[in-house]
PDB file of N, CA and C in Angstrom:
ATOM      1  N   MET A   1     -43.175  11.109 -82.875  1.00  0.00           N
ATOM      2  CA  MET A   1     -44.273  12.055 -82.753  1.00  0.00           C
ATOM      3  C   MET A   1     -44.701  12.462 -84.155  1.00  0.00           C
ATOM      4  N   ASN A   2     -45.984  12.425 -84.392  1.00  0.00           N
ATOM      5  CA  ASN A   2     -46.491  12.889 -85.681  1.00  0.00           C
ATOM      6  C   ASN A   2     -47.157  14.254 -85.499  1.00  0.00           C
ATOM      7  N   LYS A   3     -47.697  14.785 -86.567  1.00  0.00           N
ATOM      8  CA  LYS A   3     -48.276  16.132 -86.548  1.00  0.00           C
ATOM      9  C   LYS A   3     -49.431  16.241 -85.551  1.00  0.00           C
ATOM     10  N   LEU A   4     -50.308  15.241 -85.530  1.00  0.00           N
ATOM     11  CA  LEU A   4     -51.444  15.287 -84.602  1.00  0.00           C
ATOM     12  C   LEU A   4     -50.990  15.231 -83.147  1.00  0.00           C
ATOM     13  N   GLU A   5     -49.952  14.450 -82.879  1.00  0.00           N
ATOM     14  CA  GLU A   5     -49.414  14.383 -81.518  1.00  0.00           C
ATOM     15  C   GLU A   5     -48.764  15.703 -81.121  1.00  0.00           C
ATOM     16  N   LEU A   6     -48.119  16.373 -82.061  1.00  0.00           N
ATOM     17  CA  LEU A   6     -47.535  17.685 -81.804  1.00  0.00           C
ATOM     18  C   LEU A   6     -48.629  18.689 -81.474  1.00  0.00           C
ATOM     19  N   ILE A   7     -49.702  18.681 -82.247  1.00  0.00           N
ATOM     20  CA  ILE A   7     -50.833  19.583 -81.989  1.00  0.00           C
ATOM     21  C   ILE A   7     -51.389  19.332 -80.595  1.00  0.00           C
ATOM     22  N   GLN A   8     -51.546  18.066 -80.224  1.00  0.00           N
ATOM     23  CA  GLN A   8     -52.073  17.724 -78.913  1.00  0.00           C
ATOM     24  C   GLN A   8     -51.127  18.186 -77.795  1.00  0.00           C
ATOM     25  N   ALA A   9     -49.818  18.024 -77.996  1.00  0.00           N
ATOM     26  CA  ALA A   9     -48.835  18.441 -76.988  1.00  0.00           C
ATOM     27  C   ALA A   9     -48.878  19.956 -76.785  1.00  0.00           C
ATOM     28  N   ILE A  10     -48.990  20.706 -77.877  1.00  0.00           N
ATOM     29  CA  ILE A  10     -49.092  22.165 -77.769  1.00  0.00           C
ATOM     30  C   ILE A  10     -50.366  22.542 -77.038  1.00  0.00           C
ATOM     31  N   LYS A  11     -51.453  21.892 -77.397  1.00  0.00           N
ATOM     32  CA  LYS A  11     -52.749  22.147 -76.736  1.00  0.00           C
ATOM     33  C   LYS A  11     -52.645  21.890 -75.233  1.00  0.00           C
ATOM     34  N   ASP A  12     -52.056  20.760 -74.864  1.00  0.00           N
ATOM     35  CA  ASP A  12     -51.953  20.390 -73.458  1.00  0.00           C
ATOM     36  C   ASP A  12     -51.048  21.330 -72.659  1.00  0.00           C
ATOM     37  N   ARG A  13     -49.961  21.761 -73.263  1.00  0.00           N
ATOM     38  CA  ARG A  13     -48.987  22.589 -72.542  1.00  0.00           C
ATOM     39  C   ARG A  13     -49.332  24.067 -72.498  1.00  0.00           C
ATOM     40  N   THR A  14     -50.106  24.536 -73.479  1.00  0.00           N
ATOM     41  CA  THR A  14     -50.365  25.974 -73.550  1.00  0.00           C
ATOM     42  C   THR A  14     -51.780  26.364 -73.144  1.00  0.00           C
ATOM     43  N   GLY A  15     -52.688  25.410 -73.166  1.00  0.00           N
ATOM     44  CA  GLY A  15     -54.078  25.747 -72.876  1.00  0.00           C
ATOM     45  C   GLY A  15     -54.805  26.322 -74.080  1.00  0.00           C
ATOM     46  N   LEU A  16     -54.140  26.333 -75.238  1.00  0.00           N
ATOM     47  CA  LEU A  16     -54.809  26.794 -76.455  1.00  0.00           C
ATOM     48  C   LEU A  16     -55.855  25.763 -76.875  1.00  0.00           C
ATOM     49  N   THR A  17     -56.791  26.189 -77.697  1.00  0.00           N
ATOM     50  CA  THR A  17     -57.765  25.244 -78.228  1.00  0.00           C
ATOM     51  C   THR A  17     -57.084  24.368 -79.268  1.00  0.00           C
ATOM     52  N   LYS A  18     -57.757  23.289 -79.639  1.00  0.00           N
ATOM     53  CA  LYS A  18     -57.191  22.404 -80.656  1.00  0.00           C
ATOM     54  C   LYS A  18     -57.036  23.161 -81.978  1.00  0.00           C
ATOM     55  N   GLN A  19     -58.007  24.002 -82.331  1.00  0.00           N
ATOM     56  CA  GLN A  19     -57.929  24.763 -83.582  1.00  0.00           C
ATOM     57  C   GLN A  19     -56.771  25.753 -83.544  1.00  0.00           C
ATOM     58  N   GLU A  20     -56.568  26.430 -82.413  1.00  0.00           N
ATOM     59  CA  GLU A  20     -55.455  27.372 -82.295  1.00  0.00           C
ATOM     60  C   GLU A  20     -54.109  26.642 -82.387  1.00  0.00           C
ATOM     61  N   SER A  21     -54.022  25.480 -81.759  1.00  0.00           N
ATOM     62  CA  SER A  21     -52.795  24.682 -81.825  1.00  0.00           C
ATOM     63  C   SER A  21     -52.540  24.206 -83.251  1.00  0.00           C
ATOM     64  N   THR A  22     -53.598  23.780 -83.935  1.00  0.00           N
ATOM     65  CA  THR A  22     -53.490  23.342 -85.330  1.00  0.00           C
ATOM     66  C   THR A  22     -53.011  24.490 -86.204  1.00  0.00           C
ATOM     67  N   ASP A  23     -53.585  25.675 -85.999  1.00  0.00           N
ATOM     68  CA  ASP A  23     -53.185  26.854 -86.774  1.00  0.00           C
ATOM     69  C   ASP A  23     -51.715  27.204 -86.534  1.00  0.00           C
ATOM     70  N   MET A  24     -51.268  27.064 -85.278  1.00  0.00           N
ATOM     71  CA  MET A  24     -49.876  27.372 -84.938  1.00  0.00           C
ATOM     72  C   MET A  24     -48.919  26.414 -85.657  1.00  0.00           C
ATOM     73  N   VAL A  25     -49.229  25.125 -85.623  1.00  0.00           N
ATOM     74  CA  VAL A  25     -48.387  24.125 -86.280  1.00  0.00           C
ATOM     75  C   VAL A  25     -48.394  24.348 -87.785  1.00  0.00           C
ATOM     76  N   LYS A  26     -49.565  24.617 -88.349  1.00  0.00           N
ATOM     77  CA  LYS A  26     -49.666  24.863 -89.792  1.00  0.00           C
ATOM     78  C   LYS A  26     -48.853  26.090 -90.185  1.00  0.00           C
ATOM     79  N   LEU A  27     -48.946  27.160 -89.419  1.00  0.00           N
ATOM     80  CA  LEU A  27     -48.181  28.371 -89.695  1.00  0.00           C
ATOM     81  C   LEU A  27     -46.682  28.090 -89.655  1.00  0.00           C
ATOM     82  N   PHE A  28     -46.245  27.329 -88.657  1.00  0.00           N
ATOM     83  CA  PHE A  28     -44.828  26.996 -88.521  1.00  0.00           C
ATOM     84  C   PHE A  28     -44.338  26.213 -89.735  1.00  0.00           C
ATOM     85  N   PHE A  29     -45.041  25.141 -90.086  1.00  0.00           N
ATOM     86  CA  PHE A  29     -44.603  24.308 -91.215  1.00  0.00           C
ATOM     87  C   PHE A  29     -44.718  25.041 -92.546  1.00  0.00           C
ATOM     88  N   ASP A  30     -45.767  25.841 -92.710  1.00  0.00           N
ATOM     89  CA  ASP A  30     -45.905  26.625 -93.946  1.00  0.00           C
ATOM     90  C   ASP A  30     -44.760  27.622 -94.080  1.00  0.00           C
ATOM     91  N   SER A  31     -44.367  28.242 -92.970  1.00  0.00           N
ATOM     92  CA  SER A  31     -43.260  29.206 -92.994  1.00  0.00           C
ATOM     93  C   SER A  31     -41.944  28.522 -93.355  1.00  0.00           C
ATOM     94  N   LEU A  32     -41.699  27.337 -92.760  1.00  0.00           N
ATOM     95  CA  LEU A  32     -40.493  26.576 -93.103  1.00  0.00           C
ATOM     96  C   LEU A  32     -40.481  26.255 -94.592  1.00  0.00           C
ATOM     97  N   THR A  33     -41.590  25.756 -95.089  1.00  0.00           N
ATOM     98  CA  THR A  33     -41.681  25.349 -96.493  1.00  0.00           C
ATOM     99  C   THR A  33     -41.466  26.535 -97.425  1.00  0.00           C
ATOM    100  N   GLU A  34     -42.134  27.657 -97.153  1.00  0.00           N
ATOM    101  CA  GLU A  34     -41.999  28.841 -98.012  1.00  0.00           C
ATOM    102  C   GLU A  34     -40.554  29.338 -98.043  1.00  0.00           C
ATOM    103  N   THR A  35     -39.900  29.299 -96.897  1.00  0.00           N
ATOM    104  CA  THR A  35     -38.515  29.751 -96.816  1.00  0.00           C
ATOM    105  C   THR A  35     -37.602  28.842 -97.637  1.00  0.00           C
ATOM    106  N   MET A  36     -37.810  27.528 -97.543  1.00  0.00           N
ATOM    107  CA  MET A  36     -36.972  26.599 -98.304  1.00  0.00           C
ATOM    108  C   MET A  36     -37.257  26.669 -99.797  1.00  0.00           C
ATOM    109  N   VAL A  37     -38.516  26.890-100.179  1.00  0.00           N
ATOM    110  CA  VAL A  37     -38.847  27.024-101.603  1.00  0.00           C
ATOM    111  C   VAL A  37     -38.078  28.198-102.203  1.00  0.00           C
ATOM    112  N   LYS A  38     -37.894  29.267-101.416  1.00  0.00           N
ATOM    113  CA  LYS A  38     -37.126  30.425-101.884  1.00  0.00           C
ATOM    114  C   LYS A  38     -35.629  30.128-101.927  1.00  0.00           C
ATOM    115  N   GLY A  39     -35.219  29.011-101.325  1.00  0.00           N
ATOM    116  CA  GLY A  39     -33.811  28.649-101.311  1.00  0.00           C
ATOM    117  C   GLY A  39     -33.062  29.181-100.105  1.00  0.00           C
ATOM    118  N   ASP A  40     -33.791  29.771 -99.157  1.00  0.00           N
ATOM    119  CA  ASP A  40     -33.154  30.332 -97.971  1.00  0.00           C
ATOM    120  C   ASP A  40     -32.913  29.259 -96.912  1.00  0.00           C
ATOM    121  N   ARG A  41     -31.914  29.486 -96.094  1.00  0.00           N
ATOM    122  CA  ARG A  41     -31.548  28.583 -95.006  1.00  0.00           C
ATOM    123  C   ARG A  41     -32.351  28.937 -93.760  1.00  0.00           C
ATOM    124  N   ILE A  42     -32.687  27.929 -92.973  1.00  0.00           N
ATOM    125  CA  ILE A  42     -33.397  28.117 -91.707  1.00  0.00           C
ATOM    126  C   ILE A  42     -32.489  27.601 -90.607  1.00  0.00           C
ATOM    127  N   GLU A  43     -32.259  28.421 -89.592  1.00  0.00           N
ATOM    128  CA  GLU A  43     -31.413  27.994 -88.480  1.00  0.00           C
ATOM    129  C   GLU A  43     -32.135  28.242 -87.167  1.00  0.00           C
ATOM    130  N   ILE A  44     -32.301  27.181 -86.401  1.00  0.00           N
ATOM    131  CA  ILE A  44     -32.888  27.272 -85.069  1.00  0.00           C
ATOM    132  C   ILE A  44     -31.758  26.895 -84.114  1.00  0.00           C
ATOM    133  N   ARG A  45     -31.117  27.891 -83.532  1.00  0.00           N
ATOM    134  CA  ARG A  45     -29.915  27.685 -82.712  1.00  0.00           C
ATOM    135  C   ARG A  45     -30.123  26.624 -81.643  1.00  0.00           C
ATOM    136  N   GLY A  46     -29.149  25.729 -81.554  1.00  0.00           N
ATOM    137  CA  GLY A  46     -29.181  24.667 -80.561  1.00  0.00           C
ATOM    138  C   GLY A  46     -30.013  23.469 -80.984  1.00  0.00           C
ATOM    139  N   LEU A  47     -30.884  23.652 -81.977  1.00  0.00           N
ATOM    140  CA  LEU A  47     -31.745  22.556 -82.404  1.00  0.00           C
ATOM    141  C   LEU A  47     -31.312  21.993 -83.752  1.00  0.00           C
ATOM    142  N   CYS A  48     -31.420  22.815 -84.805  1.00  0.00           N
ATOM    143  CA  CYS A  48     -31.127  22.295 -86.132  1.00  0.00           C
ATOM    144  C   CYS A  48     -31.072  23.409 -87.157  1.00  0.00           C
ATOM    145  N   SER A  49     -30.708  23.014 -88.364  1.00  0.00           N
ATOM    146  CA  SER A  49     -30.829  23.922 -89.497  1.00  0.00           C
ATOM    147  C   SER A  49     -31.382  23.123 -90.677  1.00  0.00           C
ATOM    148  N   PHE A  50     -32.077  23.811 -91.531  1.00  0.00           N
ATOM    149  CA  PHE A  50     -32.611  23.244 -92.763  1.00  0.00           C
ATOM    150  C   PHE A  50     -32.012  24.044 -93.904  1.00  0.00           C
ATOM    151  N   PHE A  51     -31.630  23.368 -94.959  1.00  0.00           N
ATOM    152  CA  PHE A  51     -31.107  24.063 -96.114  1.00  0.00           C
ATOM    153  C   PHE A  51     -31.375  23.230 -97.356  1.00  0.00           C
ATOM    154  N   ILE A  52     -31.196  23.863 -98.500  1.00  0.00           N
ATOM    155  CA  ILE A  52     -31.460  23.227 -99.788  1.00  0.00           C
ATOM    156  C   ILE A  52     -30.132  22.888-100.459  1.00  0.00           C
ATOM    157  N   LYS A  53     -30.005  21.670-100.944  1.00  0.00           N
ATOM    158  CA  LYS A  53     -28.854  21.276-101.761  1.00  0.00           C
ATOM    159  C   LYS A  53     -29.343  21.170-103.199  1.00  0.00           C
ATOM    160  N   GLU A  54     -28.554  21.725-104.087  1.00  0.00           N
ATOM    161  CA  GLU A  54     -28.903  21.661-105.503  1.00  0.00           C
ATOM    162  C   GLU A  54     -27.997  20.667-106.209  1.00  0.00           C
ATOM    163  N   TYR A  55     -28.599  19.803-107.006  1.00  0.00           N
ATOM    164  CA  TYR A  55     -27.867  18.791-107.744  1.00  0.00           C
ATOM    165  C   TYR A  55     -28.006  19.042-109.235  1.00  0.00           C
ATOM    166  N   ASP A  56     -26.892  18.920-109.940  1.00  0.00           N
ATOM    167  CA  ASP A  56     -26.915  19.069-111.395  1.00  0.00           C
ATOM    168  C   ASP A  56     -27.550  17.831-112.023  1.00  0.00           C
ATOM    169  N   GLY A  57     -28.084  18.015-113.216  1.00  0.00           N
ATOM    170  CA  GLY A  57     -28.604  16.885-113.979  1.00  0.00           C
ATOM    171  C   GLY A  57     -27.449  16.010-114.455  1.00  0.00           C
ATOM    172  N   TYR A  58     -27.768  14.813-114.840  1.00  0.00           N
ATOM    173  CA  TYR A  58     -26.744  13.896-115.329  1.00  0.00           C
ATOM    174  C   TYR A  58     -27.380  12.889-116.274  1.00  0.00           C
ATOM    175  N   THR A  59     -26.535  12.133-116.959  1.00  0.00           N
ATOM    176  CA  THR A  59     -27.027  11.092-117.851  1.00  0.00           C
ATOM    177  C   THR A  59     -26.934   9.766-117.112  1.00  0.00           C
ATOM    178  N   GLY A  60     -28.076   9.115-116.961  1.00  0.00           N
ATOM    179  CA  GLY A  60     -28.125   7.826-116.290  1.00  0.00           C
ATOM    180  C   GLY A  60     -28.533   6.738-117.264  1.00  0.00           C
ATOM    181  N   ARG A  61     -28.787   5.566-116.741  1.00  0.00           N
ATOM    182  CA  ARG A  61     -29.217   4.441-117.571  1.00  0.00           C
ATOM    183  C   ARG A  61     -30.496   3.850-117.008  1.00  0.00           C
ATOM    184  N   ASN A  62     -31.414   3.495-117.908  1.00  0.00           N
ATOM    185  CA  ASN A  62     -32.622   2.784-117.512  1.00  0.00           C
ATOM    186  C   ASN A  62     -32.192   1.350-117.191  1.00  0.00           C
ATOM    187  N   PRO A  63     -32.428   0.877-115.972  1.00  0.00           N
ATOM    188  CA  PRO A  63     -31.956  -0.460-115.601  1.00  0.00           C
ATOM    189  C   PRO A  63     -32.605  -1.592-116.399  1.00  0.00           C
ATOM    190  N   LYS A  64     -33.820  -1.388-116.894  1.00  0.00           N
ATOM    191  CA  LYS A  64     -34.493  -2.446-117.665  1.00  0.00           C
ATOM    192  C   LYS A  64     -33.982  -2.532-119.095  1.00  0.00           C
ATOM    193  N   THR A  65     -33.841  -1.357-119.720  1.00  0.00           N
ATOM    194  CA  THR A  65     -33.484  -1.357-121.140  1.00  0.00           C
ATOM    195  C   THR A  65     -32.010  -1.068-121.404  1.00  0.00           C
ATOM    196  N   GLY A  66     -31.347  -0.458-120.445  1.00  0.00           N
ATOM    197  CA  GLY A  66     -29.945  -0.087-120.647  1.00  0.00           C
ATOM    198  C   GLY A  66     -29.779   1.197-121.440  1.00  0.00           C
ATOM    199  N   LYS A  67     -30.884   1.814-121.870  1.00  0.00           N
ATOM    200  CA  LYS A  67     -30.817   3.048-122.645  1.00  0.00           C
ATOM    201  C   LYS A  67     -30.388   4.212-121.761  1.00  0.00           C
ATOM    202  N   LYS A  68     -29.683   5.160-122.381  1.00  0.00           N
ATOM    203  CA  LYS A  68     -29.283   6.370-121.661  1.00  0.00           C
ATOM    204  C   LYS A  68     -30.511   7.248-121.433  1.00  0.00           C
ATOM    205  N   VAL A  69     -30.565   7.819-120.249  1.00  0.00           N
ATOM    206  CA  VAL A  69     -31.688   8.681-119.876  1.00  0.00           C
ATOM    207  C   VAL A  69     -31.124   9.950-119.248  1.00  0.00           C
ATOM    208  N   LYS A  70     -31.672  11.086-119.661  1.00  0.00           N
ATOM    209  CA  LYS A  70     -31.238  12.349-119.062  1.00  0.00           C
ATOM    210  C   LYS A  70     -32.033  12.561-117.777  1.00  0.00           C
ATOM    211  N   VAL A  71     -31.303  12.689-116.663  1.00  0.00           N
ATOM    212  CA  VAL A  71     -31.933  12.920-115.359  1.00  0.00           C
ATOM    213  C   VAL A  71     -31.782  14.404-115.055  1.00  0.00           C
ATOM    214  N   PRO A  72     -32.922  15.112-114.863  1.00  0.00           N
ATOM    215  CA  PRO A  72     -32.840  16.552-114.618  1.00  0.00           C
ATOM    216  C   PRO A  72     -32.253  16.856-113.238  1.00  0.00           C
ATOM    217  N   GLY A  73     -31.716  18.065-113.103  1.00  0.00           N
ATOM    218  CA  GLY A  73     -31.218  18.520-111.810  1.00  0.00           C
ATOM    219  C   GLY A  73     -32.371  18.656-110.830  1.00  0.00           C
ATOM    220  N   LYS A  74     -32.026  18.709-109.556  1.00  0.00           N
ATOM    221  CA  LYS A  74     -33.084  18.848-108.552  1.00  0.00           C
ATOM    222  C   LYS A  74     -32.573  19.568-107.327  1.00  0.00           C
ATOM    223  N   ARG A  75     -33.506  20.033-106.540  1.00  0.00           N
ATOM    224  CA  ARG A  75     -33.228  20.690-105.264  1.00  0.00           C
ATOM    225  C   ARG A  75     -33.865  19.849-104.172  1.00  0.00           C
ATOM    226  N   LEU A  76     -33.091  19.527-103.147  1.00  0.00           N
ATOM    227  CA  LEU A  76     -33.611  18.706-102.061  1.00  0.00           C
ATOM    228  C   LEU A  76     -33.367  19.377-100.711  1.00  0.00           C
ATOM    229  N   PRO A  77     -34.360  19.294 -99.809  1.00  0.00           N
ATOM    230  CA  PRO A  77     -34.164  19.860 -98.474  1.00  0.00           C
ATOM    231  C   PRO A  77     -33.307  18.928 -97.608  1.00  0.00           C
ATOM    232  N   PHE A  78     -32.467  19.521 -96.770  1.00  0.00           N
ATOM    233  CA  PHE A  78     -31.634  18.763 -95.847  1.00  0.00           C
ATOM    234  C   PHE A  78     -31.802  19.300 -94.436  1.00  0.00           C
ATOM    235  N   PHE A  79     -31.672  18.409 -93.482  1.00  0.00           N
ATOM    236  CA  PHE A  79     -31.767  18.710 -92.061  1.00  0.00           C
ATOM    237  C   PHE A  79     -30.408  18.430 -91.440  1.00  0.00           C
ATOM    238  N   LYS A  80     -29.927  19.368 -90.647  1.00  0.00           N
ATOM    239  CA  LYS A  80     -28.657  19.157 -89.945  1.00  0.00           C
ATOM    240  C   LYS A  80     -28.896  19.445 -88.466  1.00  0.00           C
ATOM    241  N   PRO A  81     -28.719  18.442 -87.606  1.00  0.00           N
ATOM    242  CA  PRO A  81     -28.945  18.678 -86.175  1.00  0.00           C
ATOM    243  C   PRO A  81     -27.882  19.605 -85.597  1.00  0.00           C
ATOM    244  N   GLY A  82     -28.291  20.411 -84.621  1.00  0.00           N
ATOM    245  CA  GLY A  82     -27.359  21.294 -83.936  1.00  0.00           C
ATOM    246  C   GLY A  82     -26.584  20.537 -82.866  1.00  0.00           C
ATOM    247  N   LYS A  83     -25.531  21.166 -82.381  1.00  0.00           N
ATOM    248  CA  LYS A  83     -24.660  20.539 -81.388  1.00  0.00           C
ATOM    249  C   LYS A  83     -25.441  20.159 -80.124  1.00  0.00           C
ATOM    250  N   GLU A  84     -26.258  21.070 -79.636  1.00  0.00           N
ATOM    251  CA  GLU A  84     -27.016  20.801 -78.410  1.00  0.00           C
ATOM    252  C   GLU A  84     -27.977  19.629 -78.589  1.00  0.00           C
ATOM    253  N   LEU A  85     -28.644  19.552 -79.726  1.00  0.00           N
ATOM    254  CA  LEU A  85     -29.561  18.440 -79.990  1.00  0.00           C
ATOM    255  C   LEU A  85     -28.791  17.128 -80.038  1.00  0.00           C
ATOM    256  N   LYS A  86     -27.661  17.122 -80.723  1.00  0.00           N
ATOM    257  CA  LYS A  86     -26.855  15.904 -80.798  1.00  0.00           C
ATOM    258  C   LYS A  86     -26.437  15.437 -79.405  1.00  0.00           C
ATOM    259  N   GLU A  87     -26.006  16.385 -78.581  1.00  0.00           N
ATOM    260  CA  GLU A  87     -25.574  16.032 -77.228  1.00  0.00           C
ATOM    261  C   GLU A  87     -26.727  15.511 -76.378  1.00  0.00           C
ATOM    262  N   ARG A  88     -27.885  16.138 -76.496  1.00  0.00           N
ATOM    263  CA  ARG A  88     -29.034  15.700 -75.696  1.00  0.00           C
ATOM    264  C   ARG A  88     -29.522  14.323 -76.110  1.00  0.00           C
ATOM    265  N   VAL A  89     -29.496  14.045 -77.399  1.00  0.00           N
ATOM    266  CA  VAL A  89     -29.927  12.739 -77.893  1.00  0.00           C
ATOM    267  C   VAL A  89     -28.925  11.668 -77.473  1.00  0.00           C
ATOM    268  N   ASP A  90     -27.640  12.005 -77.499  1.00  0.00           N
ATOM    269  CA  ASP A  90     -26.597  11.045 -77.168  1.00  0.00           C
ATOM    270  C   ASP A  90     -26.374  10.920 -75.662  1.00  0.00           C
ATOM    271  N   TYR A  91     -26.947  11.809 -74.866  1.00  0.00           N
ATOM    272  CA  TYR A  91     -26.687  11.843 -73.425  1.00  0.00           C
ATOM    273  C   TYR A  91     -26.795  10.489 -72.728  1.00  0.00           C
ATOM    274  N   PRO A  92     -27.839   9.692 -72.971  1.00  0.00           N
ATOM    275  CA  PRO A  92     -27.917   8.402 -72.266  1.00  0.00           C
ATOM    276  C   PRO A  92     -26.745   7.476 -72.578  1.00  0.00           C
ATOM    277  N   ASN A  93     -26.131   7.631 -73.733  1.00  0.00           N
ATOM    278  CA  ASN A  93     -25.025   6.762 -74.136  1.00  0.00           C
ATOM    279  C   ASN A  93     -23.661   7.388 -73.880  1.00  0.00           C
ATOM    280  N   SER A  94     -23.667   8.649 -73.485  1.00  0.00           N
ATOM    281  CA  SER A  94     -22.412   9.363 -73.321  1.00  0.00           C
ATOM    282  C   SER A  94     -21.749   9.011 -71.997  1.00  0.00           C
ATOM    283  N   LYS A  95     -20.441   8.927 -72.018  1.00  0.00           N
ATOM    284  CA  LYS A  95     -19.686   8.653 -70.801  1.00  0.00           C
ATOM    285  C   LYS A  95     -19.309   9.961 -70.104  1.00  0.00           C
ATOM    286  N   ARG A  96     -19.608  11.087 -70.763  1.00  0.00           N
ATOM    287  CA  ARG A  96     -19.287  12.385 -70.171  1.00  0.00           C
ATOM    288  C   ARG A  96     -20.330  12.752 -69.147  1.00  0.00           C
ATOM    289  N   SER A  97     -19.920  13.070 -67.955  1.00  0.00           N
ATOM    290  CA  SER A  97     -20.862  13.371 -66.882  1.00  0.00           C
ATOM    291  C   SER A  97     -21.230  14.844 -66.853  1.00  0.00           C
ATOM    292  N   SER A  98     -20.608  15.659 -67.705  1.00  0.00           N
ATOM    293  CA  SER A  98     -20.871  17.094 -67.657  1.00  0.00           C
ATOM    294  C   SER A  98     -22.162  17.486 -68.373  1.00  0.00           C
ATOM    295  N   HIS A  99     -22.798  16.568 -69.093  1.00  0.00           N
ATOM    296  CA  HIS A  99     -24.035  16.880 -69.797  1.00  0.00           C
ATOM    297  C   HIS A  99     -25.190  16.950 -68.810  1.00  0.00           C
ATOM    298  N   LYS A 100     -25.920  18.030 -68.884  1.00  0.00           N
ATOM    299  CA  LYS A 100     -27.105  18.175 -68.047  1.00  0.00           C
ATOM    300  C   LYS A 100     -28.265  18.591 -68.947  1.00  0.00           C
ATOM    301  N   LEU A 101     -29.368  17.903 -68.802  1.00  0.00           N
ATOM    302  CA  LEU A 101     -30.547  18.270 -69.582  1.00  0.00           C
ATOM    303  C   LEU A 101     -31.174  19.512 -68.988  1.00  0.00           C
ATOM    304  N   LYS A 102     -31.649  20.363 -69.851  1.00  0.00           N
ATOM    305  CA  LYS A 102     -32.309  21.596 -69.389  1.00  0.00           C
ATOM    306  C   LYS A 102     -33.765  21.347 -69.156  1.00  0.00           C
TER     307      LYS A 102
END
């Protein structure tokens, strides 16, 4: 599913206009992004969490020239699926009969 398909699904399920659905999706993604830029963790219980990992800089090598290159540190966003999401995705392959989709 891409962003446009998500907007269409919200429109179809809620009866909102396409513009209202677009605004809702934009607000959601903008809020996620702003929160991660601040370095804060996002947790949606049962679904997933997003968090930032920080990496220190290091000295690497240019593969063409072999010269040492200083690689700056960076911050990268990470996604971690929640237990319920993992179980629901794995349900068709699971041998456990106790899983029930909601």
